[in-house]
Amino acid sequence: MKKNIEIDISLKFRKKSTAVIIAKSLDPDNKDFPEGMTMSQSVKNNILEINFKSNNVMETLLNTVDEVLSMIDMTSKTLEKVE
């Protein structure tokens, strides 16, 4: 079923630099979304805010959100090991 759906996610990190690095790591994948779906992001202090909008099938949106969250988790874990 197609619906207009919007998902807002706010992730708080210990440092603003971590939020900025993770936001930049998402930039390359922030371009090739399925038709009818968009993602925007911003960093405010140490909080990464991500907004997904879709007029596509809900499962497609949820799969995309899951992929983005997995990428954030992987990048965050990598940064922890580097620090």
Protein backbone atom coordinates (compact mmCIF):
# COMPACT_ATOMS: atom_id res chain seq x y z
CA MET A 1 0.00 0.00 0.00
CA LYS A 2 1.37 3.43 -0.93
CA LYS A 3 1.15 6.22 1.64
CA ASN A 4 2.86 9.47 2.45
CA ILE A 5 5.18 8.59 5.31
CA GLU A 6 7.69 10.67 7.24
CA ILE A 7 10.23 9.37 9.76
CA ASP A 8 12.39 11.64 11.93
CA ILE A 9 15.40 10.23 13.76
CA SER A 10 17.63 12.11 16.22
CA LEU A 11 20.87 10.51 17.33
CA LYS A 12 22.89 12.06 20.15
CA PHE A 13 26.66 11.50 20.20
CA ARG A 14 29.23 12.37 22.84
CA LYS A 15 31.00 14.79 20.49
CA LYS A 16 29.84 17.05 17.68
CA SER A 17 32.76 15.82 15.56
CA THR A 18 31.37 12.28 15.66
CA ALA A 19 27.96 13.47 14.47
CA VAL A 20 29.61 15.45 11.65
CA ILE A 21 31.77 12.52 10.51
CA ILE A 22 28.82 10.15 10.50
CA ALA A 23 26.67 12.65 8.58
CA LYS A 24 29.44 13.01 5.98
CA SER A 25 29.75 9.23 5.72
CA LEU A 26 26.08 9.07 4.71
CA ASP A 27 26.39 11.69 1.95
CA PRO A 28 27.40 9.29 -0.87
CA ASP A 29 24.37 7.11 -0.21
CA ASN A 30 22.05 10.09 0.15
CA LYS A 31 21.51 10.29 -3.60
CA ASP A 32 20.20 7.03 -5.06
CA PHE A 33 16.97 6.46 -3.18
CA PRO A 34 13.99 4.76 -4.74
CA GLU A 35 11.65 7.06 -6.64
CA GLY A 36 9.40 9.01 -4.30
CA MET A 37 11.77 8.77 -1.33
CA THR A 38 14.07 11.43 0.12
CA MET A 39 16.44 11.71 3.04
CA SER A 40 17.75 14.91 4.57
CA GLN A 41 20.10 15.35 7.47
CA SER A 42 21.59 18.04 9.66
CA VAL A 43 23.89 18.27 12.65
CA LYS A 44 22.96 20.48 15.58
CA ASN A 45 25.62 20.47 18.28
CA ASN A 46 26.23 16.76 18.90
CA ILE A 47 22.89 15.59 17.49
CA LEU A 48 22.49 14.10 14.03
CA GLU A 49 18.95 14.63 12.75
CA ILE A 50 17.73 12.56 9.83
CA ASN A 51 14.41 12.93 8.04
CA PHE A 52 13.00 10.37 5.63
CA LYS A 53 9.99 11.09 3.41
CA SER A 54 8.34 8.62 1.12
CA ASN A 55 5.24 8.17 -0.97
CA ASN A 56 6.40 4.65 -1.72
CA VAL A 57 5.62 1.28 -0.19
CA MET A 58 6.18 1.29 3.59
CA GLU A 59 8.41 -1.80 3.48
CA THR A 60 10.76 -0.05 1.05
CA LEU A 61 11.09 2.90 3.39
CA LEU A 62 11.67 0.67 6.42
CA ASN A 63 14.36 -1.27 4.56
CA THR A 64 16.09 1.99 3.63
CA VAL A 65 15.94 3.29 7.22
CA ASP A 66 17.37 -0.03 8.42
CA GLU A 67 20.27 0.23 5.94
CA VAL A 68 21.05 3.80 7.02
CA LEU A 69 20.95 2.89 10.71
CA SER A 70 23.26 -0.08 10.04
CA MET A 71 25.72 2.23 8.29
CA ILE A 72 25.59 4.65 11.22
CA ASP A 73 26.22 1.81 13.67
CA MET A 74 29.18 0.51 11.66
CA THR A 75 30.71 3.99 11.30
CA SER A 76 30.20 4.74 14.98
CA LYS A 77 31.89 1.48 16.02
CA THR A 78 34.79 2.18 13.67
CA LEU A 79 35.25 5.67 15.12
CA GLU A 80 35.27 4.25 18.66
CA LYS A 81 38.11 1.89 17.74
CA VAL A 82 40.11 4.70 16.12
CA GLU A 83 39.80 6.99 19.14
